[in-house]
Amino acid sequence: MQENNHLLDVLTRKGVLLNVSVRYWRATKKLTAEDLGLDPESVEKRLFSLGHKNLIPRGSLQSFALIESRSHALVDACTFPFLNGLGHFLPNTRLEETMGKLAKLEQEFMAEKDVFLGRYSEMRALGLAEWREAATRLVGDPERLVEKIEESFPTPERMERSFGFTTQLFQISVPDGFSMDQISLDEQQDIIRAREQAVQEAAQRIHRGVESFVSDCVASLREQTATLCEEMLDSMKSGKTGVHQKTLNRLVKFIDEFKSLNFVGDVELEAQLNRVRQEFLTRPAEQYRDSAFYRGKLQSGLQSLADTAREMTRQDNRQLVEQFGQLGRRKLHIDAEPLAEPGFGERQDDALMMKAG
């Protein structure tokens, strides 16, 4: 248990949990049989589904969908999923860059929201006109359907609350337990024991999950390395150009990103990546296309890196996880040292974390 305490200590200093929520009006209405003037009992639900229908043309919200997609892609690229979706772990080395990009996406979102709300009354009128025309052709009581559609459009005042771009940072911690002053005098001892037991069980689950999480992060980066090398080899064999500079640049970018995501300290794989970079990524793609010798060396090097990374993925990461946890033993010493100037350095991390509670 003490080792796991160290593991959680160092993890909270190496990064934060990130949660990004993008919310916007989806402009859909779930039609019922009554909306269409049909008898609900006569509708064969096993074969027939009414489903959700667009209140306005789908393209009107495409910009919001794109920003949402880019936001999720950014989070996925810079973080590791933490404890079955509890959050996304963002290493401190990617914190400033990621928050800056999210801030720009939020600005884009808010600008699109202002444009949309400015045109909302116009789009609402156009949408109702299209529905009125369609209802006349589709149902026997078009006014009933149009009335239901009209009710589904929020008022301009309510529409404002349907949009939001929220970024939250959290720090995970183990429950400390319940002090006696939190429990009223008339509570029984068995309630106190039940609460204390719940705290202990929660702490144990968190510790087990943290150990598994760190191991999974190591395996994930190793698997990504192997996959990238294999994709590069396939591209060289199937592409008309052979060795393309964009293909080499993918690996250069991956190595740079690996260093910022390698919060656990996988020095073995980092050394392998640095070796490949020095040996194969200093030449331009043109030299590989012009020389069968160098091209063969490149392909052999990529295959070797893929095989090595794949083999490392299957290895037991326990020793690496334990080494990572040993850093937690230095926590008291680090906390006792004077703080450096404000910034994104490791000793400033706690100031950047909002403790979840």
Protein backbone atom coordinates (compact mmCIF):
# COMPACT_ATOMS: atom_id res chain seq x y z
CA MET A 1 0.00 0.00 0.00
CA GLN A 2 2.85 2.37 0.84
CA GLU A 3 4.39 1.83 -2.62
CA ASN A 4 1.06 2.66 -4.22
CA ASN A 5 0.91 5.84 -2.15
CA HIS A 6 4.23 6.88 -3.66
CA LEU A 7 2.93 5.98 -7.12
CA LEU A 8 -0.13 8.21 -6.74
CA ASP A 9 1.97 11.01 -5.25
CA VAL A 10 4.30 11.18 -8.21
CA LEU A 11 1.45 10.79 -10.70
CA THR A 12 -0.30 13.86 -9.31
CA ARG A 13 2.93 15.84 -9.73
CA LYS A 14 3.49 14.63 -13.28
CA GLY A 15 0.15 15.79 -14.67
CA VAL A 16 -3.51 16.62 -14.24
CA LEU A 17 -6.83 15.11 -15.21
CA LEU A 18 -8.43 16.97 -18.08
CA ASN A 19 -12.08 17.09 -19.04
CA VAL A 20 -13.36 19.01 -22.07
CA SER A 21 -17.06 19.41 -22.76
CA VAL A 22 -18.44 20.90 -25.98
CA ARG A 23 -22.18 21.52 -25.86
CA TYR A 24 -24.43 22.94 -28.57
CA TRP A 25 -28.03 22.69 -29.70
CA ARG A 26 -28.46 19.57 -31.81
CA ALA A 27 -31.64 20.84 -33.55
CA THR A 28 -33.46 17.52 -33.57
CA LYS A 29 -36.95 16.42 -32.64
CA LYS A 30 -37.99 12.85 -31.86
CA LEU A 31 -41.27 12.37 -33.67
CA THR A 32 -44.04 10.25 -32.18
CA ALA A 33 -46.90 8.49 -33.89
CA GLU A 34 -49.27 11.13 -32.50
CA ASP A 35 -47.18 13.89 -34.12
CA LEU A 36 -47.91 12.33 -37.50
CA GLY A 37 -51.56 11.73 -36.73
CA LEU A 38 -51.09 7.96 -36.47
CA ASP A 39 -52.60 5.55 -33.98
CA PRO A 40 -49.69 4.39 -31.75
CA GLU A 41 -51.24 0.95 -31.48
CA SER A 42 -51.25 0.54 -35.25
CA VAL A 43 -47.53 1.22 -35.64
CA GLU A 44 -45.45 -1.96 -35.86
CA LYS A 45 -42.50 -0.90 -33.68
CA ARG A 46 -40.49 -3.99 -34.58
CA LEU A 47 -40.36 -2.85 -38.20
CA PHE A 48 -40.98 0.88 -38.03
CA SER A 49 -38.99 3.61 -36.27
CA LEU A 50 -39.77 7.31 -36.32
CA GLY A 51 -36.49 8.47 -34.80
CA HIS A 52 -35.01 11.97 -34.60
CA LYS A 53 -35.55 14.49 -37.40
CA ASN A 54 -33.61 17.66 -38.12
CA LEU A 55 -35.41 20.90 -37.29
CA ILE A 56 -33.07 22.92 -39.50
CA PRO A 57 -30.66 21.83 -42.28
CA ARG A 58 -27.82 19.77 -40.80
CA GLY A 59 -25.19 21.99 -42.42
CA SER A 60 -26.24 24.88 -40.16
CA LEU A 61 -24.45 23.21 -37.23
CA GLN A 62 -21.51 21.75 -39.14
CA SER A 63 -19.04 24.31 -37.75
CA PHE A 64 -19.88 23.29 -34.17
CA ALA A 65 -19.52 19.61 -35.01
CA LEU A 66 -16.10 20.31 -36.53
CA ILE A 67 -14.88 22.20 -33.45
CA GLU A 68 -16.17 19.42 -31.20
CA SER A 69 -14.37 16.82 -33.31
CA ARG A 70 -11.11 18.80 -33.28
CA SER A 71 -11.33 19.26 -29.52
CA HIS A 72 -11.79 15.55 -28.87
CA ALA A 73 -8.99 14.71 -31.31
CA LEU A 74 -6.65 17.12 -29.50
CA VAL A 75 -7.46 15.59 -26.12
CA ASP A 76 -6.99 12.06 -27.44
CA ALA A 77 -3.60 12.97 -28.96
CA CYS A 78 -2.21 14.66 -25.82
CA THR A 79 -3.61 12.52 -23.01
CA PHE A 80 -4.07 9.00 -21.72
CA PRO A 81 -7.55 7.70 -20.74
CA PHE A 82 -7.62 7.46 -16.94
CA LEU A 83 -9.43 4.79 -14.90
CA ASN A 84 -12.05 3.71 -17.42
CA GLY A 85 -13.06 7.16 -18.57
CA LEU A 86 -12.91 9.00 -15.24
CA GLY A 87 -10.87 11.60 -17.08
CA HIS A 88 -7.91 12.09 -19.38
CA PHE A 89 -4.42 12.29 -17.87
CA LEU A 90 -2.50 15.22 -19.33
CA PRO A 91 1.27 15.24 -18.63
CA ASN A 92 2.62 18.59 -17.46
CA THR A 93 4.96 18.67 -20.45
CA ARG A 94 1.89 19.01 -22.72
CA LEU A 95 -0.13 21.24 -20.40
CA GLU A 96 0.75 24.70 -21.73
CA GLU A 97 0.53 23.66 -25.39
CA THR A 98 -2.78 21.81 -24.94
CA MET A 99 -4.45 24.55 -22.91
CA GLY A 100 -3.38 27.11 -25.50
CA LYS A 101 -4.91 25.09 -28.35
CA LEU A 102 -8.09 24.50 -26.38
CA ALA A 103 -8.35 28.23 -25.69
CA LYS A 104 -8.20 28.93 -29.44
CA LEU A 105 -10.87 26.31 -30.11
CA GLU A 106 -13.04 27.89 -27.44
CA GLN A 107 -12.64 31.29 -29.10
CA GLU A 108 -13.71 29.78 -32.44
CA PHE A 109 -16.67 28.12 -30.75
CA MET A 110 -17.84 31.34 -29.12
CA ALA A 111 -17.49 33.25 -32.38
CA GLU A 112 -19.60 30.62 -34.19
CA LYS A 113 -22.15 30.75 -31.37
CA ASP A 114 -22.54 34.52 -31.77
CA VAL A 115 -23.06 34.12 -35.51
CA PHE A 116 -25.58 31.32 -35.02
CA LEU A 117 -27.59 33.15 -32.37
CA GLY A 118 -27.60 36.25 -34.53
CA ARG A 119 -29.25 34.26 -37.33
CA TYR A 120 -31.40 32.05 -35.12
CA SER A 121 -34.72 33.83 -35.71
CA GLU A 122 -34.14 33.71 -39.46
CA MET A 123 -33.18 30.01 -39.43
CA ARG A 124 -36.17 29.21 -37.22
CA ALA A 125 -38.54 30.86 -39.67
CA LEU A 126 -36.96 29.09 -42.65
CA GLY A 127 -37.01 25.75 -40.84
CA LEU A 128 -40.70 26.07 -39.99
CA ALA A 129 -41.50 27.03 -43.59
CA GLU A 130 -39.75 23.89 -44.88
CA TRP A 131 -41.51 21.71 -42.30
CA ARG A 132 -44.89 23.22 -43.20
CA GLU A 133 -44.33 22.41 -46.86
CA ALA A 134 -43.18 18.85 -46.04
CA ALA A 135 -46.04 18.27 -43.59
CA THR A 136 -48.59 19.20 -46.25
CA ARG A 137 -47.27 16.40 -48.43
CA LEU A 138 -46.68 13.79 -45.71
CA VAL A 139 -49.53 13.82 -43.21
CA GLY A 140 -53.26 14.40 -43.16
CA ASP A 141 -53.11 16.99 -40.36
CA PRO A 142 -50.10 19.17 -41.27
CA GLU A 143 -50.89 21.92 -38.73
CA ARG A 144 -50.66 19.44 -35.87
CA LEU A 145 -47.20 18.34 -36.95
CA VAL A 146 -46.01 21.92 -37.56
CA GLU A 147 -47.25 22.90 -34.10
CA LYS A 148 -45.18 20.11 -32.53
CA ILE A 149 -42.14 21.16 -34.53
CA GLU A 150 -42.57 24.79 -33.53
CA GLU A 151 -42.71 23.81 -29.86
CA SER A 152 -39.34 22.10 -30.26
CA PHE A 153 -37.56 25.36 -31.11
CA PRO A 154 -36.22 26.94 -27.90
CA THR A 155 -36.81 30.65 -27.35
CA PRO A 156 -33.80 32.89 -28.08
CA GLU A 157 -33.34 33.37 -24.33
CA ARG A 158 -33.19 29.61 -23.68
CA MET A 159 -31.00 29.01 -26.71
CA GLU A 160 -28.06 30.81 -25.10
CA ARG A 161 -27.88 28.10 -22.41
CA SER A 162 -27.64 25.36 -25.02
CA PHE A 163 -24.06 26.31 -25.93
CA GLY A 164 -20.93 25.84 -23.89
CA PHE A 165 -17.24 25.04 -24.17
CA THR A 166 -15.81 23.97 -20.81
CA THR A 167 -12.28 22.90 -19.91
CA GLN A 168 -11.65 21.54 -16.41
CA LEU A 169 -8.49 20.38 -14.68
CA PHE A 170 -8.59 18.02 -11.72
CA GLN A 171 -6.15 16.37 -9.37
CA ILE A 172 -7.02 12.92 -8.06
CA SER A 173 -6.48 12.15 -4.38
CA VAL A 174 -7.25 9.31 -2.01
CA PRO A 175 -10.03 9.95 0.54
CA ASP A 176 -8.58 10.97 3.90
CA GLY A 177 -11.33 9.42 5.96
CA PHE A 178 -14.05 10.88 8.17
CA SER A 179 -13.22 12.84 11.30
CA MET A 180 -15.44 12.55 14.34
CA ASP A 181 -16.70 16.12 14.06
CA GLN A 182 -18.29 15.18 10.74
CA ILE A 183 -20.55 12.66 12.41
CA SER A 184 -23.46 13.59 14.65
CA LEU A 185 -23.61 12.21 18.19
CA ASP A 186 -26.68 10.11 17.53
CA GLU A 187 -25.04 8.14 14.76
CA GLN A 188 -24.19 4.57 15.63
CA GLN A 189 -20.74 3.07 15.68
CA ASP A 190 -21.63 0.68 12.87
CA ILE A 191 -22.32 3.68 10.59
CA ILE A 192 -18.93 5.13 11.45
CA ARG A 193 -17.23 1.81 10.69
CA ALA A 194 -19.16 1.46 7.43
CA ARG A 195 -17.97 4.88 6.31
CA GLU A 196 -14.38 4.19 7.23
CA GLN A 197 -14.53 0.88 5.39
CA ALA A 198 -15.92 2.64 2.31
CA VAL A 199 -12.99 5.08 2.41
CA GLN A 200 -10.46 2.25 2.65
CA GLU A 201 -12.07 0.33 -0.21
CA ALA A 202 -12.16 3.43 -2.39
CA ALA A 203 -8.48 4.09 -1.69
CA GLN A 204 -7.56 0.51 -2.57
CA ARG A 205 -9.47 0.68 -5.86
CA ILE A 206 -7.76 3.94 -6.77
CA HIS A 207 -4.32 2.53 -5.97
CA ARG A 208 -4.93 -0.59 -8.05
CA GLY A 209 -6.28 1.51 -10.89
CA VAL A 210 -3.30 3.89 -10.82
CA GLU A 211 -0.80 1.05 -11.06
CA SER A 212 -2.68 -0.44 -14.00
CA PHE A 213 -2.99 3.01 -15.62
CA VAL A 214 0.75 3.70 -15.52
CA SER A 215 1.48 0.27 -17.00
CA ASP A 216 -1.12 0.81 -19.73
CA CYS A 217 0.43 4.19 -20.64
CA VAL A 218 3.82 2.54 -21.17
CA ALA A 219 2.28 -0.21 -23.27
CA SER A 220 0.24 2.28 -25.30
CA LEU A 221 3.28 4.34 -26.37
CA ARG A 222 5.18 1.19 -27.28
CA GLU A 223 2.25 -0.11 -29.31
CA GLN A 224 1.92 3.25 -31.10
CA THR A 225 5.61 3.09 -32.00
CA ALA A 226 5.28 -0.35 -33.53
CA THR A 227 2.11 0.59 -35.42
CA LEU A 228 3.64 3.75 -36.86
CA CYS A 229 6.71 1.90 -38.13
CA GLU A 230 4.56 -0.74 -39.78
CA GLU A 231 2.40 1.91 -41.44
CA MET A 232 5.51 3.66 -42.74
CA LEU A 233 6.83 0.42 -44.20
CA ASP A 234 3.49 -0.26 -45.90
CA SER A 235 3.47 3.26 -47.32
CA MET A 236 6.97 2.83 -48.75
CA LYS A 237 6.06 -0.46 -50.40
CA SER A 238 2.67 0.55 -51.81
CA GLY A 239 3.21 4.23 -52.60
CA LYS A 240 4.23 5.41 -56.03
CA THR A 241 6.89 7.72 -54.61
CA GLY A 242 8.51 5.06 -52.44
CA VAL A 243 10.04 6.99 -49.57
CA HIS A 244 8.19 10.28 -49.15
CA GLN A 245 9.41 13.11 -46.94
CA LYS A 246 6.00 13.29 -45.26
CA THR A 247 6.45 9.68 -44.20
CA LEU A 248 9.79 10.44 -42.54
CA ASN A 249 8.37 13.56 -40.94
CA ARG A 250 5.65 11.48 -39.28
CA LEU A 251 8.30 9.63 -37.33
CA VAL A 252 10.17 12.82 -36.47
CA LYS A 253 6.95 14.33 -35.09
CA PHE A 254 6.14 11.14 -33.20
CA ILE A 255 9.55 11.11 -31.51
CA ASP A 256 9.10 14.73 -30.41
CA GLU A 257 5.65 13.98 -29.05
CA PHE A 258 6.84 10.79 -27.37
CA LYS A 259 9.29 12.77 -25.26
CA SER A 260 6.51 15.03 -24.00
CA LEU A 261 4.17 12.10 -23.30
CA ASN A 262 6.76 9.85 -21.71
CA PHE A 263 5.98 10.96 -18.16
CA VAL A 264 6.66 7.46 -16.81
CA GLY A 265 10.27 7.55 -18.00
CA ASP A 266 10.52 4.72 -20.54
CA VAL A 267 14.21 5.35 -21.20
CA GLU A 268 14.65 2.08 -23.10
CA LEU A 269 12.19 2.95 -25.85
CA GLU A 270 13.28 6.59 -25.89
CA ALA A 271 16.84 5.44 -26.53
CA GLN A 272 15.65 3.26 -29.41
CA LEU A 273 13.76 6.19 -30.94
CA ASN A 274 16.75 8.53 -30.58
CA ARG A 275 18.99 5.96 -32.26
CA VAL A 276 16.61 5.67 -35.23
CA ARG A 277 16.37 9.43 -35.47
CA GLN A 278 20.13 9.92 -35.58
CA GLU A 279 20.75 7.02 -37.93
CA PHE A 280 17.90 7.36 -40.43
CA LEU A 281 16.08 10.68 -40.14
CA THR A 282 18.94 13.05 -40.89
CA ARG A 283 18.87 12.18 -44.61
CA PRO A 284 16.19 13.60 -46.93
CA ALA A 285 13.73 11.26 -48.59
CA GLU A 286 15.36 11.88 -51.97
CA GLN A 287 18.54 10.06 -50.92
CA TYR A 288 16.52 7.01 -49.94
CA ARG A 289 14.67 7.04 -53.26
CA ASP A 290 17.95 7.28 -55.19
CA SER A 291 19.84 4.62 -53.25
CA ALA A 292 18.66 1.03 -52.88
CA PHE A 293 21.34 0.54 -50.21
CA TYR A 294 20.13 3.36 -47.97
CA ARG A 295 16.50 2.48 -48.66
CA GLY A 296 17.13 -1.07 -47.53
CA LYS A 297 18.88 0.17 -44.39
CA LEU A 298 15.91 2.41 -43.58
CA GLN A 299 13.39 -0.37 -44.04
CA SER A 300 15.50 -2.72 -41.95
CA GLY A 301 15.81 -0.11 -39.20
CA LEU A 302 12.07 0.57 -39.13
CA GLN A 303 11.28 -3.13 -39.04
CA SER A 304 13.73 -3.64 -36.19
CA LEU A 305 12.18 -0.77 -34.23
CA ALA A 306 8.68 -2.14 -34.84
CA ASP A 307 9.69 -5.62 -33.69
CA THR A 308 11.47 -4.25 -30.63
CA ALA A 309 8.56 -2.03 -29.63
CA ARG A 310 6.10 -4.87 -30.16
CA GLU A 311 8.20 -7.17 -28.00
CA MET A 312 8.47 -4.49 -25.31
CA THR A 313 4.68 -4.16 -25.36
CA ARG A 314 4.38 -7.80 -24.34
CA GLN A 315 6.90 -7.44 -21.51
CA ASP A 316 5.98 -7.10 -17.86
CA ASN A 317 6.14 -3.38 -17.04
CA ARG A 318 6.13 -3.91 -13.28
CA GLN A 319 9.75 -2.86 -12.77
CA LEU A 320 9.25 0.36 -14.74
CA VAL A 321 6.08 1.14 -12.77
CA GLU A 322 7.94 0.54 -9.51
CA GLN A 323 10.75 2.85 -10.59
CA PHE A 324 8.19 5.51 -11.42
CA GLY A 325 6.65 5.09 -7.98
CA GLN A 326 10.02 5.53 -6.29
CA LEU A 327 9.97 9.17 -7.35
CA GLY A 328 7.15 9.64 -4.85
CA ARG A 329 9.61 9.10 -2.01
CA ARG A 330 11.10 12.49 -2.85
CA LYS A 331 7.81 14.31 -2.39
CA LEU A 332 8.47 15.61 1.11
CA HIS A 333 11.92 16.84 0.11
CA ILE A 334 10.58 18.58 -2.99
CA ASP A 335 7.69 20.17 -1.12
CA ALA A 336 10.11 21.56 1.44
CA GLU A 337 12.17 23.38 -1.17
CA PRO A 338 11.36 27.03 -2.04
CA LEU A 339 9.19 27.48 -5.10
CA ALA A 340 10.68 28.73 -8.35
CA GLU A 341 9.30 31.59 -10.39
CA PRO A 342 5.71 31.01 -11.64
CA GLY A 343 5.57 28.89 -14.77
CA PHE A 344 4.86 25.40 -15.92
CA GLY A 345 7.78 23.74 -14.15
CA GLU A 346 7.21 20.61 -12.16
CA ARG A 347 7.34 22.38 -8.79
CA GLN A 348 4.56 24.71 -9.89
CA ASP A 349 2.19 21.93 -10.90
CA ASP A 350 0.10 21.95 -7.73
CA ALA A 351 -0.78 25.62 -8.33
CA LEU A 352 -2.23 24.65 -11.70
CA MET A 353 -4.38 21.83 -10.38
CA MET A 354 -7.97 22.20 -9.27
CA LYS A 355 -8.60 19.52 -6.69
CA ALA A 356 -11.73 17.55 -7.58
CA GLY A 357 -14.14 17.14 -4.73
